[in-house]
């Protein structure tokens, strides 16, 4: 009698689940606003809302892209990273963009709110609060979760530099 052994694959890092959830939240709001919703629109800033007024549909492809980016690491990891070098590199690039964008904008928005930076044209306080405390930290957390998931997956697969 011979024993059949299943090849073990590392479990999906929980960080990918967190990243997917955070990215889906971002995507859901973009899609909601694309359909004409207004909840939390104040948190974007009056200028940004005015820019998209009458062209809210533009937010639909943005929301769809966010959804793909949110779920891609989870999906790719669950499939064993097809096209490993390309797909992992794209996930690292996406994570870097999210962390840099979210981190820098969170920092700058908070510096504006505390008066360390004085925009020459003034600023919309409600919109700045939305970016400082909600949307940009959400980008930062999403990107950080992707980084943590990629690192956990690399450790689980036993490679030092799993790209």
N, C-alpha and C. Protein backbone atom coordinates (compact mmCIF):
# COMPACT_ATOMS: atom_id res chain seq x y z
N UNK A 1 0.84 -1.17 0.00
CA UNK A 1 0.00 0.00 0.00
C UNK A 1 0.89 1.25 0.00
N UNK A 2 0.56 2.20 -0.84
CA UNK A 2 1.34 3.42 -0.87
C UNK A 2 0.48 4.58 -0.39
N UNK A 3 1.14 5.49 0.25
CA UNK A 3 0.44 6.66 0.76
C UNK A 3 0.50 7.77 -0.29
N UNK A 4 -0.59 8.42 -0.43
CA UNK A 4 -0.64 9.56 -1.34
C UNK A 4 -0.47 10.81 -0.50
N UNK A 5 0.51 11.59 -0.87
CA UNK A 5 0.74 12.82 -0.11
C UNK A 5 0.37 14.01 -0.98
N UNK A 6 -0.32 14.89 -0.37
CA UNK A 6 -0.69 16.12 -1.08
C UNK A 6 0.45 17.11 -0.98
N UNK A 7 0.71 17.77 -2.06
CA UNK A 7 1.73 18.80 -2.04
C UNK A 7 1.18 19.99 -1.26
N UNK A 8 1.89 20.40 -0.24
CA UNK A 8 1.36 21.49 0.58
C UNK A 8 1.72 22.84 -0.04
N UNK A 9 0.78 23.71 -0.01
CA UNK A 9 1.02 25.07 -0.47
C UNK A 9 0.78 25.99 0.72
N UNK A 10 1.55 27.05 0.81
CA UNK A 10 1.38 27.95 1.94
C UNK A 10 -0.01 28.57 1.95
N UNK A 11 -0.55 28.76 3.12
CA UNK A 11 -1.85 29.41 3.26
C UNK A 11 -1.75 30.85 2.77
N UNK A 12 -2.86 31.37 2.31
CA UNK A 12 -2.88 32.77 1.89
C UNK A 12 -2.66 33.66 3.11
N UNK A 13 -1.75 34.59 3.00
CA UNK A 13 -1.55 35.52 4.12
C UNK A 13 -2.82 36.34 4.39
N UNK A 14 -3.15 36.49 5.65
CA UNK A 14 -4.31 37.31 6.02
C UNK A 14 -4.18 38.74 5.54
N UNK A 15 -2.94 39.19 5.41
CA UNK A 15 -2.72 40.55 4.94
C UNK A 15 -3.33 40.77 3.55
N UNK A 16 -3.34 39.74 2.70
CA UNK A 16 -3.98 39.89 1.39
C UNK A 16 -5.49 40.05 1.53
N UNK A 17 -6.06 39.39 2.52
CA UNK A 17 -7.50 39.56 2.77
C UNK A 17 -7.78 40.99 3.23
N UNK A 18 -6.94 41.49 4.12
CA UNK A 18 -7.10 42.87 4.61
C UNK A 18 -6.92 43.85 3.45
N UNK A 19 -5.88 43.63 2.64
CA UNK A 19 -5.64 44.51 1.49
C UNK A 19 -6.83 44.49 0.54
N UNK A 20 -7.37 43.30 0.29
CA UNK A 20 -8.53 43.20 -0.59
C UNK A 20 -9.72 43.96 -0.05
N UNK A 21 -9.95 43.83 1.25
CA UNK A 21 -11.07 44.54 1.88
C UNK A 21 -10.88 46.06 1.78
N UNK A 22 -9.70 46.54 2.12
CA UNK A 22 -9.45 47.99 2.08
C UNK A 22 -9.57 48.53 0.66
N UNK A 23 -9.02 47.79 -0.30
CA UNK A 23 -9.12 48.21 -1.70
C UNK A 23 -10.55 48.19 -2.20
N UNK A 24 -11.31 47.19 -1.77
CA UNK A 24 -12.73 47.11 -2.17
C UNK A 24 -13.54 48.26 -1.59
N UNK A 25 -13.19 48.70 -0.39
CA UNK A 25 -13.87 49.86 0.19
C UNK A 25 -13.61 51.09 -0.68
N UNK A 26 -12.34 51.29 -1.05
CA UNK A 26 -11.99 52.42 -1.92
C UNK A 26 -12.76 52.32 -3.24
N UNK A 27 -12.75 51.13 -3.83
CA UNK A 27 -13.42 50.92 -5.12
C UNK A 27 -14.93 51.14 -5.00
N UNK A 28 -15.50 50.64 -3.92
CA UNK A 28 -16.95 50.77 -3.74
C UNK A 28 -17.38 52.23 -3.70
N UNK A 29 -16.61 53.07 -3.02
CA UNK A 29 -16.97 54.49 -2.97
C UNK A 29 -16.84 55.14 -4.35
N UNK A 30 -15.80 54.80 -5.09
CA UNK A 30 -15.67 55.35 -6.45
C UNK A 30 -16.85 54.94 -7.31
N UNK A 31 -17.24 53.68 -7.24
CA UNK A 31 -18.38 53.19 -8.02
C UNK A 31 -19.69 53.82 -7.54
N UNK A 32 -19.82 53.99 -6.24
CA UNK A 32 -21.01 54.63 -5.67
C UNK A 32 -21.12 56.08 -6.17
N UNK A 33 -20.00 56.82 -6.11
CA UNK A 33 -20.03 58.20 -6.58
C UNK A 33 -20.27 58.26 -8.09
N UNK A 34 -19.75 57.28 -8.83
CA UNK A 34 -19.99 57.23 -10.28
C UNK A 34 -21.47 57.10 -10.60
N UNK A 35 -22.19 56.43 -9.69
CA UNK A 35 -23.64 56.24 -9.91
C UNK A 35 -24.46 57.41 -9.38
N UNK A 36 -23.79 58.46 -8.91
CA UNK A 36 -24.49 59.66 -8.46
C UNK A 36 -24.62 59.78 -6.95
N UNK A 37 -24.08 58.84 -6.19
CA UNK A 37 -24.15 58.92 -4.74
C UNK A 37 -23.36 60.11 -4.20
N UNK A 38 -23.76 60.58 -3.03
CA UNK A 38 -23.09 61.76 -2.47
C UNK A 38 -22.55 61.56 -1.05
N UNK A 39 -22.81 60.40 -0.44
CA UNK A 39 -22.33 60.17 0.93
C UNK A 39 -20.80 60.29 0.95
N UNK A 40 -20.29 61.07 1.84
CA UNK A 40 -18.86 61.34 2.05
C UNK A 40 -18.20 62.12 0.91
N UNK A 41 -18.97 62.59 -0.05
CA UNK A 41 -18.39 63.38 -1.14
C UNK A 41 -17.72 64.64 -0.59
N UNK A 42 -18.25 65.19 0.50
CA UNK A 42 -17.65 66.38 1.14
C UNK A 42 -16.19 66.11 1.51
N UNK A 43 -15.87 64.85 1.82
CA UNK A 43 -14.52 64.51 2.29
C UNK A 43 -13.48 64.52 1.17
N UNK A 44 -13.93 64.72 -0.06
CA UNK A 44 -13.01 64.80 -1.19
C UNK A 44 -12.54 66.22 -1.43
N UNK A 45 -13.31 67.17 -0.96
CA UNK A 45 -13.01 68.57 -1.20
C UNK A 45 -13.91 69.13 -2.27
N UNK A 46 -14.33 70.35 -2.09
CA UNK A 46 -15.28 70.99 -3.00
C UNK A 46 -14.73 71.09 -4.42
N UNK A 47 -13.43 71.39 -4.57
CA UNK A 47 -12.84 71.52 -5.91
C UNK A 47 -12.89 70.20 -6.67
N UNK A 48 -12.55 69.11 -5.99
CA UNK A 48 -12.56 67.80 -6.65
C UNK A 48 -13.98 67.39 -7.03
N UNK A 49 -14.92 67.64 -6.13
CA UNK A 49 -16.33 67.32 -6.43
C UNK A 49 -16.79 68.14 -7.63
N UNK A 50 -16.43 69.42 -7.67
CA UNK A 50 -16.82 70.29 -8.79
C UNK A 50 -16.19 69.82 -10.10
N UNK A 51 -14.95 69.32 -10.03
CA UNK A 51 -14.26 68.84 -11.23
C UNK A 51 -15.02 67.69 -11.88
N UNK A 52 -15.60 66.80 -11.07
CA UNK A 52 -16.29 65.63 -11.61
C UNK A 52 -17.79 65.84 -11.81
N UNK A 53 -18.34 66.98 -11.36
CA UNK A 53 -19.77 67.22 -11.50
C UNK A 53 -20.18 67.14 -12.96
N UNK A 54 -21.16 66.28 -13.22
CA UNK A 54 -21.62 66.07 -14.59
C UNK A 54 -20.80 65.03 -15.35
N UNK A 55 -19.66 64.64 -14.76
CA UNK A 55 -18.80 63.62 -15.38
C UNK A 55 -18.49 62.51 -14.37
N UNK A 56 -19.43 62.27 -13.49
CA UNK A 56 -19.22 61.25 -12.47
C UNK A 56 -18.92 59.88 -13.06
N UNK A 57 -19.39 59.62 -14.28
CA UNK A 57 -19.16 58.34 -14.95
C UNK A 57 -17.68 58.00 -15.04
N UNK A 58 -16.81 59.02 -15.05
CA UNK A 58 -15.36 58.80 -15.12
C UNK A 58 -14.89 57.97 -13.93
N UNK A 59 -15.62 58.06 -12.83
CA UNK A 59 -15.24 57.31 -11.63
C UNK A 59 -15.52 55.81 -11.76
N UNK A 60 -16.35 55.41 -12.71
CA UNK A 60 -16.65 53.98 -12.89
C UNK A 60 -15.41 53.18 -13.31
N UNK A 61 -14.68 53.59 -14.35
CA UNK A 61 -13.47 52.83 -14.67
C UNK A 61 -12.40 52.92 -13.58
N UNK A 62 -12.37 54.06 -12.88
CA UNK A 62 -11.42 54.19 -11.76
C UNK A 62 -11.79 53.20 -10.67
N UNK A 63 -13.07 53.11 -10.35
CA UNK A 63 -13.53 52.14 -9.35
C UNK A 63 -13.26 50.71 -9.78
N UNK A 64 -13.49 50.42 -11.07
CA UNK A 64 -13.23 49.07 -11.58
C UNK A 64 -11.74 48.73 -11.49
N UNK A 65 -10.89 49.68 -11.82
CA UNK A 65 -9.44 49.46 -11.71
C UNK A 65 -9.04 49.21 -10.25
N UNK A 66 -9.59 50.01 -9.34
CA UNK A 66 -9.30 49.80 -7.92
C UNK A 66 -9.72 48.41 -7.48
N UNK A 67 -10.86 47.95 -7.98
CA UNK A 67 -11.35 46.61 -7.63
C UNK A 67 -10.39 45.52 -8.12
N UNK A 68 -9.92 45.65 -9.34
CA UNK A 68 -8.95 44.69 -9.88
C UNK A 68 -7.67 44.70 -9.06
N UNK A 69 -7.16 45.90 -8.78
CA UNK A 69 -5.92 46.03 -8.01
C UNK A 69 -6.11 45.49 -6.59
N UNK A 70 -7.29 45.70 -6.02
CA UNK A 70 -7.56 45.22 -4.66
C UNK A 70 -7.56 43.70 -4.57
N UNK A 71 -8.12 43.06 -5.59
CA UNK A 71 -8.29 41.60 -5.54
C UNK A 71 -7.18 40.81 -6.22
N UNK A 72 -6.36 41.47 -7.03
CA UNK A 72 -5.31 40.78 -7.78
C UNK A 72 -4.34 40.00 -6.89
N UNK A 73 -3.77 40.59 -5.84
CA UNK A 73 -2.82 39.81 -5.03
C UNK A 73 -3.45 38.57 -4.42
N UNK A 74 -4.66 38.71 -3.94
CA UNK A 74 -5.38 37.58 -3.35
C UNK A 74 -5.62 36.49 -4.40
N UNK A 75 -6.10 36.88 -5.55
CA UNK A 75 -6.36 35.93 -6.62
C UNK A 75 -5.07 35.26 -7.09
N UNK A 76 -4.05 36.06 -7.38
CA UNK A 76 -2.80 35.52 -7.89
C UNK A 76 -2.13 34.58 -6.89
N UNK A 77 -2.14 34.96 -5.62
CA UNK A 77 -1.55 34.10 -4.59
C UNK A 77 -2.32 32.79 -4.48
N UNK A 78 -3.64 32.85 -4.61
CA UNK A 78 -4.45 31.63 -4.51
C UNK A 78 -4.21 30.70 -5.69
N UNK A 79 -3.73 31.23 -6.81
CA UNK A 79 -3.46 30.43 -8.01
C UNK A 79 -1.98 30.05 -8.12
N UNK A 80 -1.19 30.33 -7.07
CA UNK A 80 0.22 29.97 -7.09
C UNK A 80 1.09 30.92 -7.90
N UNK A 81 0.67 32.13 -8.08
CA UNK A 81 1.40 33.17 -8.79
C UNK A 81 1.73 32.79 -10.22
N UNK A 82 0.73 32.65 -11.07
CA UNK A 82 1.03 32.41 -12.50
C UNK A 82 1.84 33.60 -13.03
N UNK A 83 2.82 33.30 -13.87
CA UNK A 83 3.69 34.36 -14.37
C UNK A 83 4.39 35.06 -13.23
N UNK A 84 4.86 34.27 -12.30
CA UNK A 84 5.40 34.72 -11.00
C UNK A 84 6.22 36.00 -11.06
N UNK A 85 7.21 36.03 -11.90
CA UNK A 85 8.11 37.21 -11.93
C UNK A 85 7.33 38.47 -12.28
N UNK A 86 6.47 38.40 -13.27
CA UNK A 86 5.70 39.58 -13.71
C UNK A 86 4.62 39.93 -12.70
N UNK A 87 3.84 38.94 -12.26
CA UNK A 87 2.70 39.25 -11.39
C UNK A 87 3.15 39.74 -10.02
N UNK A 88 4.17 39.11 -9.48
CA UNK A 88 4.66 39.59 -8.17
C UNK A 88 5.29 40.97 -8.29
N UNK A 89 6.02 41.19 -9.38
CA UNK A 89 6.62 42.51 -9.59
C UNK A 89 5.54 43.58 -9.71
N UNK A 90 4.45 43.27 -10.43
CA UNK A 90 3.35 44.23 -10.54
C UNK A 90 2.70 44.49 -9.19
N UNK A 91 2.57 43.44 -8.38
CA UNK A 91 2.00 43.63 -7.04
C UNK A 91 2.91 44.48 -6.16
N UNK A 92 4.23 44.26 -6.27
CA UNK A 92 5.17 45.10 -5.51
C UNK A 92 5.08 46.55 -5.98
N UNK A 93 4.99 46.75 -7.29
CA UNK A 93 4.87 48.10 -7.84
C UNK A 93 3.59 48.77 -7.36
N UNK A 94 2.48 48.04 -7.44
CA UNK A 94 1.21 48.59 -6.95
C UNK A 94 1.27 48.94 -5.48
N UNK A 95 1.88 48.07 -4.68
CA UNK A 95 2.01 48.33 -3.24
C UNK A 95 2.85 49.58 -3.00
N UNK A 96 3.94 49.72 -3.76
CA UNK A 96 4.81 50.89 -3.60
C UNK A 96 4.06 52.18 -3.93
N UNK A 97 3.29 52.16 -5.02
CA UNK A 97 2.50 53.34 -5.41
C UNK A 97 1.50 53.69 -4.31
N UNK A 98 0.78 52.67 -3.81
CA UNK A 98 -0.22 52.91 -2.76
C UNK A 98 0.42 53.47 -1.49
N UNK A 99 1.54 52.89 -1.08
CA UNK A 99 2.22 53.34 0.15
C UNK A 99 2.75 54.76 -0.03
N UNK A 100 3.42 55.02 -1.16
CA UNK A 100 3.97 56.36 -1.38
C UNK A 100 2.87 57.41 -1.53
N UNK A 101 1.88 57.11 -2.36
CA UNK A 101 0.77 58.06 -2.58
C UNK A 101 0.05 58.32 -1.26
N UNK A 102 -0.37 57.24 -0.61
CA UNK A 102 -1.11 57.39 0.63
C UNK A 102 -0.29 58.01 1.74
N UNK A 103 0.95 57.59 1.86
CA UNK A 103 1.81 58.11 2.92
C UNK A 103 2.14 59.59 2.76
N UNK A 104 2.56 59.96 1.55
CA UNK A 104 2.92 61.37 1.32
C UNK A 104 1.70 62.28 1.42
N UNK A 105 0.58 61.87 0.84
CA UNK A 105 -0.61 62.71 0.91
C UNK A 105 -1.17 62.80 2.32
N UNK A 106 -1.08 61.73 3.08
CA UNK A 106 -1.51 61.78 4.48
C UNK A 106 -0.64 62.76 5.25
N UNK A 107 0.66 62.67 5.05
CA UNK A 107 1.60 63.56 5.73
C UNK A 107 1.35 65.02 5.36
N UNK A 108 1.28 65.29 4.06
CA UNK A 108 1.09 66.68 3.61
C UNK A 108 -0.24 67.23 4.09
N UNK A 109 -1.31 66.46 3.97
CA UNK A 109 -2.63 66.95 4.40
C UNK A 109 -2.63 67.26 5.89
N UNK A 110 -2.00 66.41 6.68
CA UNK A 110 -1.94 66.68 8.12
C UNK A 110 -1.07 67.90 8.43
N UNK A 111 -0.01 68.09 7.68
CA UNK A 111 0.83 69.29 7.87
C UNK A 111 0.06 70.56 7.51
N UNK A 112 -0.78 70.48 6.50
CA UNK A 112 -1.63 71.63 6.16
C UNK A 112 -2.61 71.89 7.31
N UNK A 113 -3.22 70.83 7.83
CA UNK A 113 -4.21 71.01 8.90
C UNK A 113 -3.61 71.60 10.17
N UNK A 114 -2.36 71.27 10.48
CA UNK A 114 -1.75 71.82 11.70
C UNK A 114 -1.07 73.16 11.45
N UNK A 115 -1.09 73.62 10.19
CA UNK A 115 -0.54 74.94 9.89
C UNK A 115 0.93 74.95 9.55
N UNK A 116 1.55 73.81 9.39
CA UNK A 116 2.97 73.77 9.03
C UNK A 116 3.18 74.07 7.55
N UNK A 117 2.18 73.82 6.75
CA UNK A 117 2.19 74.16 5.33
C UNK A 117 1.00 75.08 5.07
N UNK A 118 1.27 76.15 4.33
CA UNK A 118 0.23 77.14 4.04
C UNK A 118 0.02 77.24 2.54
N UNK A 119 -0.99 76.54 1.99
CA UNK A 119 -1.24 76.64 0.55
C UNK A 119 -1.57 78.08 0.17
N UNK A 120 -0.94 78.56 -0.89
CA UNK A 120 -1.11 79.96 -1.28
C UNK A 120 -2.56 80.30 -1.64
N UNK A 121 -3.30 79.32 -2.15
CA UNK A 121 -4.68 79.60 -2.53
C UNK A 121 -5.67 79.19 -1.45
N UNK A 122 -5.18 78.88 -0.27
CA UNK A 122 -6.06 78.43 0.80
C UNK A 122 -6.41 76.97 0.60
N UNK A 123 -7.32 76.46 1.43
CA UNK A 123 -7.72 75.06 1.27
C UNK A 123 -9.09 74.83 1.88
N UNK A 124 -9.70 73.78 1.41
CA UNK A 124 -11.01 73.34 1.88
C UNK A 124 -10.77 72.44 3.10
N UNK A 125 -11.10 72.94 4.28
CA UNK A 125 -10.80 72.20 5.51
C UNK A 125 -11.46 70.83 5.55
N UNK A 126 -12.72 70.74 5.18
CA UNK A 126 -13.42 69.45 5.21
C UNK A 126 -12.76 68.45 4.26
N UNK A 127 -12.43 68.90 3.06
CA UNK A 127 -11.76 68.03 2.10
C UNK A 127 -10.38 67.61 2.58
N UNK A 128 -9.67 68.54 3.22
CA UNK A 128 -8.33 68.22 3.72
C UNK A 128 -8.42 67.19 4.84
N UNK A 129 -9.42 67.32 5.68
CA UNK A 129 -9.63 66.32 6.75
C UNK A 129 -9.93 64.95 6.12
N UNK A 130 -10.77 64.94 5.09
CA UNK A 130 -11.08 63.69 4.40
C UNK A 130 -9.84 63.01 3.85
N UNK A 131 -8.96 63.80 3.28
CA UNK A 131 -7.72 63.22 2.73
C UNK A 131 -6.74 62.86 3.83
N UNK A 132 -6.63 63.68 4.85
CA UNK A 132 -5.66 63.44 5.92
C UNK A 132 -6.04 62.25 6.81
N UNK A 133 -7.33 62.08 7.03
CA UNK A 133 -7.76 61.09 8.03
C UNK A 133 -8.55 59.92 7.48
N UNK A 134 -8.90 59.96 6.18
CA UNK A 134 -9.70 58.86 5.64
C UNK A 134 -9.11 58.29 4.36
N UNK A 135 -9.19 59.00 3.25
CA UNK A 135 -8.85 58.42 1.96
C UNK A 135 -7.38 58.10 1.79
N UNK A 136 -6.50 59.01 2.13
CA UNK A 136 -5.08 58.74 1.95
C UNK A 136 -4.54 57.73 2.96
N UNK A 137 -4.95 57.77 4.23
CA UNK A 137 -4.54 56.69 5.14
C UNK A 137 -5.08 55.32 4.68
N UNK A 138 -6.24 55.32 4.03
CA UNK A 138 -6.78 54.07 3.51
C UNK A 138 -5.89 53.53 2.39
N UNK A 139 -5.40 54.41 1.50
CA UNK A 139 -4.43 54.00 0.48
C UNK A 139 -3.17 53.44 1.15
N UNK A 140 -2.68 54.15 2.16
CA UNK A 140 -1.47 53.72 2.87
C UNK A 140 -1.66 52.35 3.52
N UNK A 141 -2.76 52.15 4.20
CA UNK A 141 -3.03 50.87 4.86
C UNK A 141 -3.18 49.75 3.84
N UNK A 142 -3.85 50.03 2.73
CA UNK A 142 -4.04 49.05 1.66
C UNK A 142 -2.68 48.61 1.11
N UNK A 143 -1.84 49.57 0.78
CA UNK A 143 -0.51 49.26 0.25
C UNK A 143 0.36 48.52 1.26
N UNK A 144 0.28 48.93 2.51
CA UNK A 144 1.05 48.26 3.56
C UNK A 144 0.61 46.81 3.72
N UNK A 145 -0.69 46.58 3.63
CA UNK A 145 -1.20 45.21 3.74
C UNK A 145 -0.70 44.35 2.57
N UNK A 146 -0.63 44.92 1.37
CA UNK A 146 -0.09 44.17 0.23
C UNK A 146 1.38 43.82 0.48
N UNK A 147 2.15 44.79 0.96
CA UNK A 147 3.57 44.53 1.27
C UNK A 147 3.69 43.41 2.30
N UNK A 148 2.91 43.48 3.35
CA UNK A 148 2.97 42.44 4.38
C UNK A 148 2.57 41.08 3.82
N UNK A 149 1.57 41.05 2.96
CA UNK A 149 1.17 39.79 2.33
C UNK A 149 2.25 39.23 1.43
N UNK A 150 2.88 40.08 0.64
CA UNK A 150 3.95 39.63 -0.25
C UNK A 150 5.13 39.09 0.55
N UNK A 151 5.46 39.78 1.62
CA UNK A 151 6.58 39.31 2.47
C UNK A 151 6.23 38.02 3.18
N UNK A 152 5.01 37.90 3.67
CA UNK A 152 4.59 36.66 4.35
C UNK A 152 4.60 35.51 3.37
N UNK A 153 4.15 35.75 2.16
CA UNK A 153 4.12 34.69 1.15
C UNK A 153 5.54 34.26 0.79
N UNK A 154 6.46 35.22 0.72
CA UNK A 154 7.85 34.89 0.42
C UNK A 154 8.44 34.03 1.53
N UNK A 155 8.17 34.38 2.79
CA UNK A 155 8.68 33.59 3.93
C UNK A 155 8.08 32.19 3.91
N UNK A 156 6.78 32.09 3.62
CA UNK A 156 6.09 30.80 3.62
C UNK A 156 6.61 29.88 2.53
N UNK A 157 7.03 30.47 1.40
CA UNK A 157 7.52 29.64 0.31
C UNK A 157 9.01 29.35 0.45
N UNK A 158 9.62 29.95 1.46
CA UNK A 158 11.03 29.64 1.76
C UNK A 158 12.03 30.36 0.91
N UNK A 159 11.61 31.39 0.23
CA UNK A 159 12.57 32.15 -0.57
C UNK A 159 12.83 33.47 0.10
N UNK A 160 14.06 33.88 0.00
CA UNK A 160 14.43 35.14 0.63
C UNK A 160 13.87 36.32 -0.15
N UNK A 161 13.97 36.22 -1.44
CA UNK A 161 13.51 37.31 -2.29
C UNK A 161 12.55 36.77 -3.32
N UNK A 162 11.33 36.64 -2.92
CA UNK A 162 10.31 36.01 -3.76
C UNK A 162 9.62 37.04 -4.63
N UNK A 163 10.22 37.40 -5.74
CA UNK A 163 9.64 38.40 -6.65
C UNK A 163 9.30 37.81 -7.96
